[in-house]
Amino acid sequence: MEHMTFHTVRILIVDDQATFRSAARLVVDLSDGFEVVGEAETGEDAVSLAAELQPDLVLMDVNLPGIDGLEATRRILASGSEARILVLSTYSRGEYEAAATAAGAVAFVSKDDFGPDSLLLATV
């Protein structure tokens, strides 16, 4: 019987609100196969941390100080990163979903709907 190895999905959380970063970290900690490798508060920090940490998945807020999450998404992917980026926002889907996918995100999720299923959605 062949031994299967499972890769832990390494996650970078990007949000300017510490309360949401804590909530997102809790969701990740409660989800098997996922771990938080870093947190960023600004788009610029997200870009540099993504290059440094090479996460598999980035949870990216839209509204950030400095460059916004959509621009940070574009820059991370333009740098050659293979990270999958899940864009999160308090705004409704209609306002940002098309812009998020145009920037290269794998999906857009409202923060109200964010949970363990969102992590799975972004990794398939």
PDB file of N, CA and C in Angstrom:
ATOM      1  N   MET A   1       0.833  -1.184   0.000  1.00  0.00           N
ATOM      2  CA  MET A   1       0.000   0.000   0.000  1.00  0.00           C
ATOM      3  C   MET A   1       0.876   1.246   0.000  1.00  0.00           C
ATOM      4  N   GLU A   2       0.569   2.149  -0.872  1.00  0.00           N
ATOM      5  CA  GLU A   2       1.366   3.356  -1.005  1.00  0.00           C
ATOM      6  C   GLU A   2       1.045   4.342   0.111  1.00  0.00           C
ATOM      7  N   HIS A   3       2.092   4.958   0.647  1.00  0.00           N
ATOM      8  CA  HIS A   3       1.884   5.953   1.716  1.00  0.00           C
ATOM      9  C   HIS A   3       1.591   7.313   1.080  1.00  0.00           C
ATOM     10  N   MET A   4       0.497   7.915   1.473  1.00  0.00           N
ATOM     11  CA  MET A   4       0.149   9.235   0.935  1.00  0.00           C
ATOM     12  C   MET A   4       0.580  10.314   1.918  1.00  0.00           C
ATOM     13  N   THR A   5       1.186  11.345   1.386  1.00  0.00           N
ATOM     14  CA  THR A   5       1.556  12.466   2.248  1.00  0.00           C
ATOM     15  C   THR A   5       0.637  13.631   1.917  1.00  0.00           C
ATOM     16  N   PHE A   6       0.186  14.280   2.948  1.00  0.00           N
ATOM     17  CA  PHE A   6      -0.704  15.412   2.756  1.00  0.00           C
ATOM     18  C   PHE A   6       0.058  16.689   3.040  1.00  0.00           C
ATOM     19  N   HIS A   7      -0.075  17.611   2.141  1.00  0.00           N
ATOM     20  CA  HIS A   7       0.590  18.896   2.264  1.00  0.00           C
ATOM     21  C   HIS A   7      -0.300  19.840   3.072  1.00  0.00           C
ATOM     22  N   THR A   8       0.272  20.426   4.107  1.00  0.00           N
ATOM     23  CA  THR A   8      -0.482  21.420   4.871  1.00  0.00           C
ATOM     24  C   THR A   8      -0.538  22.703   4.055  1.00  0.00           C
ATOM     25  N   VAL A   9      -1.731  23.258   3.911  1.00  0.00           N
ATOM     26  CA  VAL A   9      -1.913  24.493   3.150  1.00  0.00           C
ATOM     27  C   VAL A   9      -1.479  25.664   4.034  1.00  0.00           C
ATOM     28  N   ARG A  10      -0.475  26.391   3.562  1.00  0.00           N
ATOM     29  CA  ARG A  10       0.104  27.510   4.312  1.00  0.00           C
ATOM     30  C   ARG A  10      -0.618  28.802   3.924  1.00  0.00           C
ATOM     31  N   ILE A  11      -1.118  29.521   4.924  1.00  0.00           N
ATOM     32  CA  ILE A  11      -1.990  30.673   4.676  1.00  0.00           C
ATOM     33  C   ILE A  11      -1.403  31.972   5.202  1.00  0.00           C
ATOM     34  N   LEU A  12      -1.513  33.011   4.380  1.00  0.00           N
ATOM     35  CA  LEU A  12      -1.184  34.384   4.771  1.00  0.00           C
ATOM     36  C   LEU A  12      -2.509  35.137   4.895  1.00  0.00           C
ATOM     37  N   ILE A  13      -2.749  35.735   6.065  1.00  0.00           N
ATOM     38  CA  ILE A  13      -3.976  36.498   6.299  1.00  0.00           C
ATOM     39  C   ILE A  13      -3.656  37.987   6.140  1.00  0.00           C
ATOM     40  N   VAL A  14      -4.411  38.665   5.277  1.00  0.00           N
ATOM     41  CA  VAL A  14      -4.182  40.092   5.032  1.00  0.00           C
ATOM     42  C   VAL A  14      -5.461  40.867   5.323  1.00  0.00           C
ATOM     43  N   ASP A  15      -5.435  41.658   6.393  1.00  0.00           N
ATOM     44  CA  ASP A  15      -6.587  42.474   6.758  1.00  0.00           C
ATOM     45  C   ASP A  15      -6.099  43.576   7.694  1.00  0.00           C
ATOM     46  N   ASP A  16      -6.643  44.780   7.547  1.00  0.00           N
ATOM     47  CA  ASP A  16      -6.192  45.877   8.417  1.00  0.00           C
ATOM     48  C   ASP A  16      -6.880  45.856   9.777  1.00  0.00           C
ATOM     49  N   GLN A  17      -7.853  44.974   9.960  1.00  0.00           N
ATOM     50  CA  GLN A  17      -8.555  44.896  11.246  1.00  0.00           C
ATOM     51  C   GLN A  17      -8.078  43.673  12.029  1.00  0.00           C
ATOM     52  N   ALA A  18      -7.466  43.935  13.190  1.00  0.00           N
ATOM     53  CA  ALA A  18      -6.937  42.851  14.024  1.00  0.00           C
ATOM     54  C   ALA A  18      -8.038  41.869  14.423  1.00  0.00           C
ATOM     55  N   THR A  19      -9.255  42.367  14.639  1.00  0.00           N
ATOM     56  CA  THR A  19     -10.344  41.469  15.045  1.00  0.00           C
ATOM     57  C   THR A  19     -10.660  40.457  13.943  1.00  0.00           C
ATOM     58  N   PHE A  20     -10.641  40.896  12.692  1.00  0.00           N
ATOM     59  CA  PHE A  20     -10.913  39.947  11.611  1.00  0.00           C
ATOM     60  C   PHE A  20      -9.741  38.986  11.433  1.00  0.00           C
ATOM     61  N   ARG A  21      -8.515  39.483  11.561  1.00  0.00           N
ATOM     62  CA  ARG A  21      -7.359  38.578  11.451  1.00  0.00           C
ATOM     63  C   ARG A  21      -7.455  37.491  12.513  1.00  0.00           C
ATOM     64  N   SER A  22      -7.842  37.860  13.727  1.00  0.00           N
ATOM     65  CA  SER A  22      -7.991  36.868  14.806  1.00  0.00           C
ATOM     66  C   SER A  22      -9.081  35.859  14.480  1.00  0.00           C
ATOM     67  N   ALA A  23     -10.211  36.350  13.962  1.00  0.00           N
ATOM     68  CA  ALA A  23     -11.317  35.453  13.603  1.00  0.00           C
ATOM     69  C   ALA A  23     -10.899  34.516  12.476  1.00  0.00           C
ATOM     70  N   ALA A  24     -10.198  35.049  11.475  1.00  0.00           N
ATOM     71  CA  ALA A  24      -9.744  34.223  10.356  1.00  0.00           C
ATOM     72  C   ALA A  24      -8.742  33.179  10.844  1.00  0.00           C
ATOM     73  N   ARG A  25      -7.851  33.584  11.750  1.00  0.00           N
ATOM     74  CA  ARG A  25      -6.865  32.645  12.310  1.00  0.00           C
ATOM     75  C   ARG A  25      -7.584  31.512  13.042  1.00  0.00           C
ATOM     76  N   LEU A  26      -8.648  31.842  13.766  1.00  0.00           N
ATOM     77  CA  LEU A  26      -9.415  30.832  14.491  1.00  0.00           C
ATOM     78  C   LEU A  26     -10.028  29.823  13.508  1.00  0.00           C
ATOM     79  N   VAL A  27     -10.597  30.325  12.415  1.00  0.00           N
ATOM     80  CA  VAL A  27     -11.177  29.438  11.396  1.00  0.00           C
ATOM     81  C   VAL A  27     -10.100  28.505  10.840  1.00  0.00           C
ATOM     82  N   VAL A  28      -8.930  29.070  10.553  1.00  0.00           N
ATOM     83  CA  VAL A  28      -7.836  28.263  10.007  1.00  0.00           C
ATOM     84  C   VAL A  28      -7.387  27.222  11.029  1.00  0.00           C
ATOM     85  N   ASP A  29      -7.215  27.654  12.280  1.00  0.00           N
ATOM     86  CA  ASP A  29      -6.760  26.734  13.336  1.00  0.00           C
ATOM     87  C   ASP A  29      -7.734  25.573  13.549  1.00  0.00           C
ATOM     88  N   LEU A  30      -9.013  25.808  13.306  1.00  0.00           N
ATOM     89  CA  LEU A  30     -10.029  24.777  13.499  1.00  0.00           C
ATOM     90  C   LEU A  30     -10.200  23.881  12.262  1.00  0.00           C
ATOM     91  N   SER A  31      -9.486  24.206  11.198  1.00  0.00           N
ATOM     92  CA  SER A  31      -9.607  23.456   9.946  1.00  0.00           C
ATOM     93  C   SER A  31      -8.377  22.582   9.747  1.00  0.00           C
ATOM     94  N   ASP A  32      -8.583  21.275   9.684  1.00  0.00           N
ATOM     95  CA  ASP A  32      -7.467  20.347   9.484  1.00  0.00           C
ATOM     96  C   ASP A  32      -6.791  20.601   8.146  1.00  0.00           C
ATOM     97  N   GLY A  33      -5.462  20.552   8.159  1.00  0.00           N
ATOM     98  CA  GLY A  33      -4.711  20.670   6.915  1.00  0.00           C
ATOM     99  C   GLY A  33      -4.353  22.085   6.527  1.00  0.00           C
ATOM    100  N   PHE A  34      -4.642  23.042   7.401  1.00  0.00           N
ATOM    101  CA  PHE A  34      -4.348  24.449   7.116  1.00  0.00           C
ATOM    102  C   PHE A  34      -3.562  25.044   8.276  1.00  0.00           C
ATOM    103  N   GLU A  35      -2.619  25.952   7.976  1.00  0.00           N
ATOM    104  CA  GLU A  35      -1.913  26.664   9.036  1.00  0.00           C
ATOM    105  C   GLU A  35      -1.616  28.090   8.602  1.00  0.00           C
ATOM    106  N   VAL A  36      -1.663  29.015   9.554  1.00  0.00           N
ATOM    107  CA  VAL A  36      -1.334  30.415   9.291  1.00  0.00           C
ATOM    108  C   VAL A  36       0.180  30.564   9.385  1.00  0.00           C
ATOM    109  N   VAL A  37       0.792  31.105   8.328  1.00  0.00           N
ATOM    110  CA  VAL A  37       2.237  31.327   8.342  1.00  0.00           C
ATOM    111  C   VAL A  37       2.592  32.797   8.503  1.00  0.00           C
ATOM    112  N   GLY A  38       1.592  33.683   8.349  1.00  0.00           N
ATOM    113  CA  GLY A  38       1.871  35.106   8.511  1.00  0.00           C
ATOM    114  C   GLY A  38       0.612  35.940   8.438  1.00  0.00           C
ATOM    115  N   GLU A  39       0.751  37.194   8.882  1.00  0.00           N
ATOM    116  CA  GLU A  39      -0.349  38.156   8.836  1.00  0.00           C
ATOM    117  C   GLU A  39       0.205  39.499   8.367  1.00  0.00           C
ATOM    118  N   ALA A  40      -0.604  40.206   7.596  1.00  0.00           N
ATOM    119  CA  ALA A  40      -0.223  41.536   7.124  1.00  0.00           C
ATOM    120  C   ALA A  40      -1.404  42.474   7.283  1.00  0.00           C
ATOM    121  N   GLU A  41      -1.094  43.765   7.504  1.00  0.00           N
ATOM    122  CA  GLU A  41      -2.138  44.779   7.677  1.00  0.00           C
ATOM    123  C   GLU A  41      -2.309  45.679   6.467  1.00  0.00           C
ATOM    124  N   THR A  42      -1.306  45.716   5.574  1.00  0.00           N
ATOM    125  CA  THR A  42      -1.374  46.599   4.404  1.00  0.00           C
ATOM    126  C   THR A  42      -1.113  45.795   3.136  1.00  0.00           C
ATOM    127  N   GLY A  43      -1.493  46.379   2.006  1.00  0.00           N
ATOM    128  CA  GLY A  43      -1.241  45.730   0.718  1.00  0.00           C
ATOM    129  C   GLY A  43       0.240  45.562   0.454  1.00  0.00           C
ATOM    130  N   GLU A  44       1.032  46.591   0.794  1.00  0.00           N
ATOM    131  CA  GLU A  44       2.477  46.508   0.577  1.00  0.00           C
ATOM    132  C   GLU A  44       3.090  45.379   1.400  1.00  0.00           C
ATOM    133  N   ASP A  45       2.665  45.270   2.672  1.00  0.00           N
ATOM    134  CA  ASP A  45       3.169  44.180   3.525  1.00  0.00           C
ATOM    135  C   ASP A  45       2.749  42.824   2.963  1.00  0.00           C
ATOM    136  N   ALA A  46       1.545  42.753   2.418  1.00  0.00           N
ATOM    137  CA  ALA A  46       1.063  41.498   1.830  1.00  0.00           C
ATOM    138  C   ALA A  46       1.970  41.061   0.688  1.00  0.00           C
ATOM    139  N   VAL A  47       2.346  42.001  -0.168  1.00  0.00           N
ATOM    140  CA  VAL A  47       3.197  41.682  -1.315  1.00  0.00           C
ATOM    141  C   VAL A  47       4.569  41.193  -0.846  1.00  0.00           C
ATOM    142  N   SER A  48       5.173  41.901   0.118  1.00  0.00           N
ATOM    143  CA  SER A  48       6.507  41.487   0.566  1.00  0.00           C
ATOM    144  C   SER A  48       6.460  40.187   1.359  1.00  0.00           C
ATOM    145  N   LEU A  49       5.424  40.000   2.209  1.00  0.00           N
ATOM    146  CA  LEU A  49       5.322  38.750   2.968  1.00  0.00           C
ATOM    147  C   LEU A  49       5.021  37.558   2.062  1.00  0.00           C
ATOM    148  N   ALA A  50       4.223  37.776   1.024  1.00  0.00           N
ATOM    149  CA  ALA A  50       3.930  36.678   0.090  1.00  0.00           C
ATOM    150  C   ALA A  50       5.222  36.215  -0.588  1.00  0.00           C
ATOM    151  N   ALA A  51       6.090  37.163  -0.934  1.00  0.00           N
ATOM    152  CA  ALA A  51       7.367  36.808  -1.565  1.00  0.00           C
ATOM    153  C   ALA A  51       8.268  36.072  -0.573  1.00  0.00           C
ATOM    154  N   GLU A  52       8.267  36.527   0.667  1.00  0.00           N
ATOM    155  CA  GLU A  52       9.130  35.943   1.689  1.00  0.00           C
ATOM    156  C   GLU A  52       8.646  34.574   2.162  1.00  0.00           C
ATOM    157  N   LEU A  53       7.341  34.445   2.429  1.00  0.00           N
ATOM    158  CA  LEU A  53       6.794  33.235   3.050  1.00  0.00           C
ATOM    159  C   LEU A  53       6.317  32.179   2.053  1.00  0.00           C
ATOM    160  N   GLN A  54       6.076  32.586   0.803  1.00  0.00           N
ATOM    161  CA  GLN A  54       5.567  31.666  -0.225  1.00  0.00           C
ATOM    162  C   GLN A  54       4.347  30.871   0.253  1.00  0.00           C
ATOM    163  N   PRO A  55       3.269  31.570   0.679  1.00  0.00           N
ATOM    164  CA  PRO A  55       2.076  30.844   1.138  1.00  0.00           C
ATOM    165  C   PRO A  55       1.385  30.145  -0.034  1.00  0.00           C
ATOM    166  N   ASP A  56       0.574  29.141   0.306  1.00  0.00           N
ATOM    167  CA  ASP A  56      -0.222  28.449  -0.716  1.00  0.00           C
ATOM    168  C   ASP A  56      -1.519  29.204  -0.979  1.00  0.00           C
ATOM    169  N   LEU A  57      -1.992  29.896   0.069  1.00  0.00           N
ATOM    170  CA  LEU A  57      -3.276  30.586   0.004  1.00  0.00           C
ATOM    171  C   LEU A  57      -3.154  31.916   0.731  1.00  0.00           C
ATOM    172  N   VAL A  58      -3.694  32.964   0.115  1.00  0.00           N
ATOM    173  CA  VAL A  58      -3.727  34.288   0.745  1.00  0.00           C
ATOM    174  C   VAL A  58      -5.187  34.675   0.931  1.00  0.00           C
ATOM    175  N   LEU A  59      -5.552  35.016   2.173  1.00  0.00           N
ATOM    176  CA  LEU A  59      -6.877  35.564   2.457  1.00  0.00           C
ATOM    177  C   LEU A  59      -6.711  37.071   2.412  1.00  0.00           C
ATOM    178  N   MET A  60      -7.250  37.709   1.367  1.00  0.00           N
ATOM    179  CA  MET A  60      -6.959  39.110   1.067  1.00  0.00           C
ATOM    180  C   MET A  60      -8.188  39.993   1.218  1.00  0.00           C
ATOM    181  N   ASP A  61      -8.110  40.948   2.147  1.00  0.00           N
ATOM    182  CA  ASP A  61      -9.169  41.946   2.282  1.00  0.00           C
ATOM    183  C   ASP A  61      -9.080  42.911   1.108  1.00  0.00           C
ATOM    184  N   VAL A  62     -10.208  43.494   0.707  1.00  0.00           N
ATOM    185  CA  VAL A  62     -10.203  44.464  -0.386  1.00  0.00           C
ATOM    186  C   VAL A  62      -9.694  45.813   0.106  1.00  0.00           C
ATOM    187  N   ASN A  63     -10.273  46.322   1.189  1.00  0.00           N
ATOM    188  CA  ASN A  63      -9.922  47.657   1.669  1.00  0.00           C
ATOM    189  C   ASN A  63      -8.748  47.603   2.630  1.00  0.00           C
ATOM    190  N   LEU A  64      -7.618  48.105   2.158  1.00  0.00           N
ATOM    191  CA  LEU A  64      -6.393  48.119   2.956  1.00  0.00           C
ATOM    192  C   LEU A  64      -5.758  49.497   2.859  1.00  0.00           C
ATOM    193  N   PRO A  65      -4.999  49.877   3.890  1.00  0.00           N
ATOM    194  CA  PRO A  65      -4.240  51.127   3.775  1.00  0.00           C
ATOM    195  C   PRO A  65      -3.166  50.949   2.700  1.00  0.00           C
ATOM    196  N   GLY A  66      -2.815  52.013   2.019  1.00  0.00           N
ATOM    197  CA  GLY A  66      -1.840  51.904   0.929  1.00  0.00           C
ATOM    198  C   GLY A  66      -2.518  51.311  -0.283  1.00  0.00           C
ATOM    199  N   ILE A  67      -1.843  50.393  -0.954  1.00  0.00           N
ATOM    200  CA  ILE A  67      -2.483  49.763  -2.121  1.00  0.00           C
ATOM    201  C   ILE A  67      -3.593  48.836  -1.621  1.00  0.00           C
ATOM    202  N   ASP A  68      -4.672  48.760  -2.385  1.00  0.00           N
ATOM    203  CA  ASP A  68      -5.799  47.928  -1.928  1.00  0.00           C
ATOM    204  C   ASP A  68      -5.535  46.450  -2.224  1.00  0.00           C
ATOM    205  N   GLY A  69      -6.441  45.619  -1.752  1.00  0.00           N
ATOM    206  CA  GLY A  69      -6.272  44.180  -1.888  1.00  0.00           C
ATOM    207  C   GLY A  69      -6.263  43.690  -3.320  1.00  0.00           C
ATOM    208  N   LEU A  70      -6.987  44.385  -4.198  1.00  0.00           N
ATOM    209  CA  LEU A  70      -7.008  43.969  -5.600  1.00  0.00           C
ATOM    210  C   LEU A  70      -5.654  44.232  -6.255  1.00  0.00           C
ATOM    211  N   GLU A  71      -5.071  45.397  -5.960  1.00  0.00           N
ATOM    212  CA  GLU A  71      -3.752  45.716  -6.509  1.00  0.00           C
ATOM    213  C   GLU A  71      -2.696  44.800  -5.896  1.00  0.00           C
ATOM    214  N   ALA A  72      -2.803  44.519  -4.595  1.00  0.00           N
ATOM    215  CA  ALA A  72      -1.861  43.604  -3.948  1.00  0.00           C
ATOM    216  C   ALA A  72      -1.960  42.215  -4.585  1.00  0.00           C
ATOM    217  N   THR A  73      -3.189  41.784  -4.890  1.00  0.00           N
ATOM    218  CA  THR A  73      -3.395  40.498  -5.565  1.00  0.00           C
ATOM    219  C   THR A  73      -2.672  40.476  -6.901  1.00  0.00           C
ATOM    220  N   ARG A  74      -2.861  41.535  -7.698  1.00  0.00           N
ATOM    221  CA  ARG A  74      -2.200  41.615  -9.007  1.00  0.00           C
ATOM    222  C   ARG A  74      -0.675  41.542  -8.853  1.00  0.00           C
ATOM    223  N   ARG A  75      -0.143  42.290  -7.880  1.00  0.00           N
ATOM    224  CA  ARG A  75       1.319  42.323  -7.700  1.00  0.00           C
ATOM    225  C   ARG A  75       1.877  40.982  -7.227  1.00  0.00           C
ATOM    226  N   ILE A  76       1.168  40.328  -6.324  1.00  0.00           N
ATOM    227  CA  ILE A  76       1.628  39.020  -5.832  1.00  0.00           C
ATOM    228  C   ILE A  76       1.684  38.023  -6.986  1.00  0.00           C
ATOM    229  N   LEU A  77       0.630  37.991  -7.791  1.00  0.00           N
ATOM    230  CA  LEU A  77       0.586  37.040  -8.907  1.00  0.00           C
ATOM    231  C   LEU A  77       1.576  37.424 -10.001  1.00  0.00           C
ATOM    232  N   ALA A  78       1.769  38.722 -10.232  1.00  0.00           N
ATOM    233  CA  ALA A  78       2.730  39.187 -11.248  1.00  0.00           C
ATOM    234  C   ALA A  78       4.161  38.832 -10.857  1.00  0.00           C
ATOM    235  N   SER A  79       4.408  38.668  -9.561  1.00  0.00           N
ATOM    236  CA  SER A  79       5.756  38.339  -9.088  1.00  0.00           C
ATOM    237  C   SER A  79       6.109  36.877  -9.346  1.00  0.00           C
ATOM    238  N   GLY A  80       5.133  36.109  -9.835  1.00  0.00           N
ATOM    239  CA  GLY A  80       5.393  34.700 -10.111  1.00  0.00           C
ATOM    240  C   GLY A  80       4.916  33.775  -9.001  1.00  0.00           C
ATOM    241  N   SER A  81       4.302  34.338  -7.975  1.00  0.00           N
ATOM    242  CA  SER A  81       3.794  33.522  -6.872  1.00  0.00           C
ATOM    243  C   SER A  81       2.748  32.545  -7.390  1.00  0.00           C
ATOM    244  N   GLU A  82       2.770  31.330  -6.824  1.00  0.00           N
ATOM    245  CA  GLU A  82       1.759  30.336  -7.186  1.00  0.00           C
ATOM    246  C   GLU A  82       0.632  30.304  -6.160  1.00  0.00           C
ATOM    247  N   ALA A  83       0.624  31.281  -5.265  1.00  0.00           N
ATOM    248  CA  ALA A  83      -0.420  31.330  -4.232  1.00  0.00           C
ATOM    249  C   ALA A  83      -1.792  31.493  -4.878  1.00  0.00           C
ATOM    250  N   ARG A  84      -2.775  30.853  -4.261  1.00  0.00           N
ATOM    251  CA  ARG A  84      -4.167  31.078  -4.639  1.00  0.00           C
ATOM    252  C   ARG A  84      -4.662  32.182  -3.723  1.00  0.00           C
ATOM    253  N   ILE A  85      -5.378  33.135  -4.265  1.00  0.00           N
ATOM    254  CA  ILE A  85      -5.806  34.280  -3.471  1.00  0.00           C
ATOM    255  C   ILE A  85      -7.323  34.306  -3.388  1.00  0.00           C
ATOM    256  N   LEU A  86      -7.808  34.337  -2.145  1.00  0.00           N
ATOM    257  CA  LEU A  86      -9.231  34.421  -1.861  1.00  0.00           C
ATOM    258  C   LEU A  86      -9.499  35.832  -1.363  1.00  0.00           C
ATOM    259  N   VAL A  87     -10.273  36.591  -2.117  1.00  0.00           N
ATOM    260  CA  VAL A  87     -10.569  37.975  -1.745  1.00  0.00           C
ATOM    261  C   VAL A  87     -11.781  38.002  -0.825  1.00  0.00           C
ATOM    262  N   LEU A  88     -11.645  38.712   0.285  1.00  0.00           N
ATOM    263  CA  LEU A  88     -12.708  38.845   1.280  1.00  0.00           C
ATOM    264  C   LEU A  88     -13.087  40.312   1.425  1.00  0.00           C
ATOM    265  N   SER A  89     -14.352  40.566   1.686  1.00  0.00           N
ATOM    266  CA  SER A  89     -14.766  41.944   1.898  1.00  0.00           C
ATOM    267  C   SER A  89     -16.081  41.997   2.663  1.00  0.00           C
ATOM    268  N   THR A  90     -16.298  43.128   3.321  1.00  0.00           N
ATOM    269  CA  THR A  90     -17.589  43.364   3.960  1.00  0.00           C
ATOM    270  C   THR A  90     -18.610  43.781   2.903  1.00  0.00           C
ATOM    271  N   TYR A  91     -18.126  44.159   1.723  1.00  0.00           N
ATOM    272  CA  TYR A  91     -19.032  44.572   0.648  1.00  0.00           C
ATOM    273  C   TYR A  91     -19.672  43.361  -0.007  1.00  0.00           C
ATOM    274  N   SER A  92     -20.750  43.619  -0.722  1.00  0.00           N
ATOM    275  CA  SER A  92     -21.476  42.525  -1.363  1.00  0.00           C
ATOM    276  C   SER A  92     -20.704  41.982  -2.556  1.00  0.00           C
ATOM    277  N   ARG A  93     -21.060  40.756  -2.915  1.00  0.00           N
ATOM    278  CA  ARG A  93     -20.448  40.064  -4.046  1.00  0.00           C
ATOM    279  C   ARG A  93     -20.470  40.887  -5.317  1.00  0.00           C
ATOM    280  N   GLY A  94     -21.625  41.453  -5.613  1.00  0.00           N
ATOM    281  CA  GLY A  94     -21.799  42.164  -6.873  1.00  0.00           C
ATOM    282  C   GLY A  94     -20.795  43.282  -7.070  1.00  0.00           C
ATOM    283  N   GLU A  95     -20.447  43.951  -5.979  1.00  0.00           N
ATOM    284  CA  GLU A  95     -19.542  45.091  -6.104  1.00  0.00           C
ATOM    285  C   GLU A  95     -18.113  44.687  -6.444  1.00  0.00           C
ATOM    286  N   TYR A  96     -17.658  43.557  -5.947  1.00  0.00           N
ATOM    287  CA  TYR A  96     -16.240  43.233  -6.077  1.00  0.00           C
ATOM    288  C   TYR A  96     -15.896  41.904  -6.730  1.00  0.00           C
ATOM    289  N   GLU A  97     -16.869  41.024  -6.911  1.00  0.00           N
ATOM    290  CA  GLU A  97     -16.544  39.695  -7.418  1.00  0.00           C
ATOM    291  C   GLU A  97     -15.839  39.738  -8.770  1.00  0.00           C
ATOM    292  N   ALA A  98     -16.372  40.496  -9.724  1.00  0.00           N
ATOM    293  CA  ALA A  98     -15.760  40.564 -11.057  1.00  0.00           C
ATOM    294  C   ALA A  98     -14.362  41.183 -10.984  1.00  0.00           C
ATOM    295  N   ALA A  99     -14.209  42.227 -10.181  1.00  0.00           N
ATOM    296  CA  ALA A  99     -12.906  42.882 -10.047  1.00  0.00           C
ATOM    297  C   ALA A  99     -11.892  41.944  -9.396  1.00  0.00           C
ATOM    298  N   ALA A 100     -12.350  41.157  -8.418  1.00  0.00           N
ATOM    299  CA  ALA A 100     -11.453  40.224  -7.730  1.00  0.00           C
ATOM    300  C   ALA A 100     -10.953  39.149  -8.691  1.00  0.00           C
ATOM    301  N   THR A 101     -11.853  38.571  -9.459  1.00  0.00           N
ATOM    302  CA  THR A 101     -11.426  37.523 -10.388  1.00  0.00           C
ATOM    303  C   THR A 101     -10.589  38.125 -11.524  1.00  0.00           C
ATOM    304  N   ALA A 102     -10.907  39.345 -11.944  1.00  0.00           N
ATOM    305  CA  ALA A 102     -10.095  40.003 -12.975  1.00  0.00           C
ATOM    306  C   ALA A 102      -8.669  40.238 -12.474  1.00  0.00           C
ATOM    307  N   ALA A 103      -8.521  40.466 -11.178  1.00  0.00           N
ATOM    308  CA  ALA A 103      -7.191  40.675 -10.591  1.00  0.00           C
ATOM    309  C   ALA A 103      -6.432  39.359 -10.429  1.00  0.00           C
ATOM    310  N   GLY A 104      -7.143  38.234 -10.586  1.00  0.00           N
ATOM    311  CA  GLY A 104      -6.488  36.933 -10.495  1.00  0.00           C
ATOM    312  C   GLY A 104      -6.891  36.094  -9.298  1.00  0.00           C
ATOM    313  N   ALA A 105      -7.805  36.605  -8.479  1.00  0.00           N
ATOM    314  CA  ALA A 105      -8.255  35.836  -7.302  1.00  0.00           C
ATOM    315  C   ALA A 105      -9.036  34.601  -7.760  1.00  0.00           C
ATOM    316  N   VAL A 106      -8.962  33.531  -6.951  1.00  0.00           N
ATOM    317  CA  VAL A 106      -9.702  32.316  -7.297  1.00  0.00           C
ATOM    318  C   VAL A 106     -11.173  32.446  -6.945  1.00  0.00           C
ATOM    319  N   ALA A 107     -11.479  33.322  -5.981  1.00  0.00           N
ATOM    320  CA  ALA A 107     -12.873  33.509  -5.577  1.00  0.00           C
ATOM    321  C   ALA A 107     -12.999  34.758  -4.723  1.00  0.00           C
ATOM    322  N   PHE A 108     -14.244  35.188  -4.558  1.00  0.00           N
ATOM    323  CA  PHE A 108     -14.586  36.306  -3.687  1.00  0.00           C
ATOM    324  C   PHE A 108     -15.580  35.778  -2.660  1.00  0.00           C
ATOM    325  N   VAL A 109     -15.343  36.082  -1.391  1.00  0.00           N
ATOM    326  CA  VAL A 109     -16.249  35.659  -0.328  1.00  0.00           C
ATOM    327  C   VAL A 109     -16.545  36.846   0.570  1.00  0.00           C
ATOM    328  N   SER A 110     -17.815  37.038   0.865  1.00  0.00           N
ATOM    329  CA  SER A 110     -18.195  38.062   1.830  1.00  0.00           C
ATOM    330  C   SER A 110     -17.677  37.633   3.197  1.00  0.00           C
ATOM    331  N   LYS A 111     -17.194  38.590   3.984  1.00  0.00           N
ATOM    332  CA  LYS A 111     -16.688  38.246   5.323  1.00  0.00           C
ATOM    333  C   LYS A 111     -17.771  37.580   6.168  1.00  0.00           C
ATOM    334  N   ASP A 112     -19.028  37.951   5.944  1.00  0.00           N
ATOM    335  CA  ASP A 112     -20.132  37.337   6.694  1.00  0.00           C
ATOM    336  C   ASP A 112     -20.248  35.844   6.404  1.00  0.00           C
ATOM    337  N   ASP A 113     -19.828  35.431   5.209  1.00  0.00           N
ATOM    338  CA  ASP A 113     -19.953  34.029   4.790  1.00  0.00           C
ATOM    339  C   ASP A 113     -18.661  33.240   4.981  1.00  0.00           C
ATOM    340  N   PHE A 114     -17.592  33.894   5.460  1.00  0.00           N
ATOM    341  CA  PHE A 114     -16.295  33.241   5.562  1.00  0.00           C
ATOM    342  C   PHE A 114     -16.293  32.171   6.650  1.00  0.00           C
ATOM    343  N   GLY A 115     -15.789  30.994   6.303  1.00  0.00           N
ATOM    344  CA  GLY A 115     -15.692  29.898   7.262  1.00  0.00           C
ATOM    345  C   GLY A 115     -14.843  28.793   6.675  1.00  0.00           C
ATOM    346  N   PRO A 116     -14.797  27.634   7.348  1.00  0.00           N
ATOM    347  CA  PRO A 116     -13.972  26.516   6.857  1.00  0.00           C
ATOM    348  C   PRO A 116     -14.261  26.131   5.406  1.00  0.00           C
ATOM    349  N   ASP A 117     -15.510  26.216   4.985  1.00  0.00           N
ATOM    350  CA  ASP A 117     -15.848  25.876   3.602  1.00  0.00           C
ATOM    351  C   ASP A 117     -15.166  26.805   2.618  1.00  0.00           C
ATOM    352  N   SER A 118     -14.918  28.050   3.016  1.00  0.00           N
ATOM    353  CA  SER A 118     -14.247  29.020   2.153  1.00  0.00           C
ATOM    354  C   SER A 118     -12.822  28.580   1.878  1.00  0.00           C
ATOM    355  N   LEU A 119     -12.164  28.008   2.892  1.00  0.00           N
ATOM    356  CA  LEU A 119     -10.789  27.525   2.716  1.00  0.00           C
ATOM    357  C   LEU A 119     -10.760  26.393   1.701  1.00  0.00           C
ATOM    358  N   LEU A 120     -11.737  25.490   1.808  1.00  0.00           N
ATOM    359  CA  LEU A 120     -11.798  24.361   0.893  1.00  0.00           C
ATOM    360  C   LEU A 120     -12.089  24.840  -0.528  1.00  0.00           C
ATOM    361  N   LEU A 121     -12.987  25.803  -0.656  1.00  0.00           N
ATOM    362  CA  LEU A 121     -13.349  26.365  -1.953  1.00  0.00           C
ATOM    363  C   LEU A 121     -12.107  26.905  -2.671  1.00  0.00           C
ATOM    364  N   ALA A 122     -11.241  27.553  -1.912  1.00  0.00           N
ATOM    365  CA  ALA A 122     -10.079  28.212  -2.508  1.00  0.00           C
ATOM    366  C   ALA A 122      -8.957  27.245  -2.854  1.00  0.00           C
ATOM    367  N   THR A 123      -9.049  26.003  -2.379  1.00  0.00           N
ATOM    368  CA  THR A 123      -7.946  25.082  -2.633  1.00  0.00           C
ATOM    369  C   THR A 123      -8.274  24.000  -3.651  1.00  0.00           C
ATOM    370  N   VAL A 124      -9.486  23.999  -4.178  1.00  0.00           N
ATOM    371  CA  VAL A 124      -9.829  22.986  -5.182  1.00  0.00           C
ATOM    372  C   VAL A 124      -9.604  23.490  -6.592  1.00  0.00           C
TER     373      VAL A 124
END
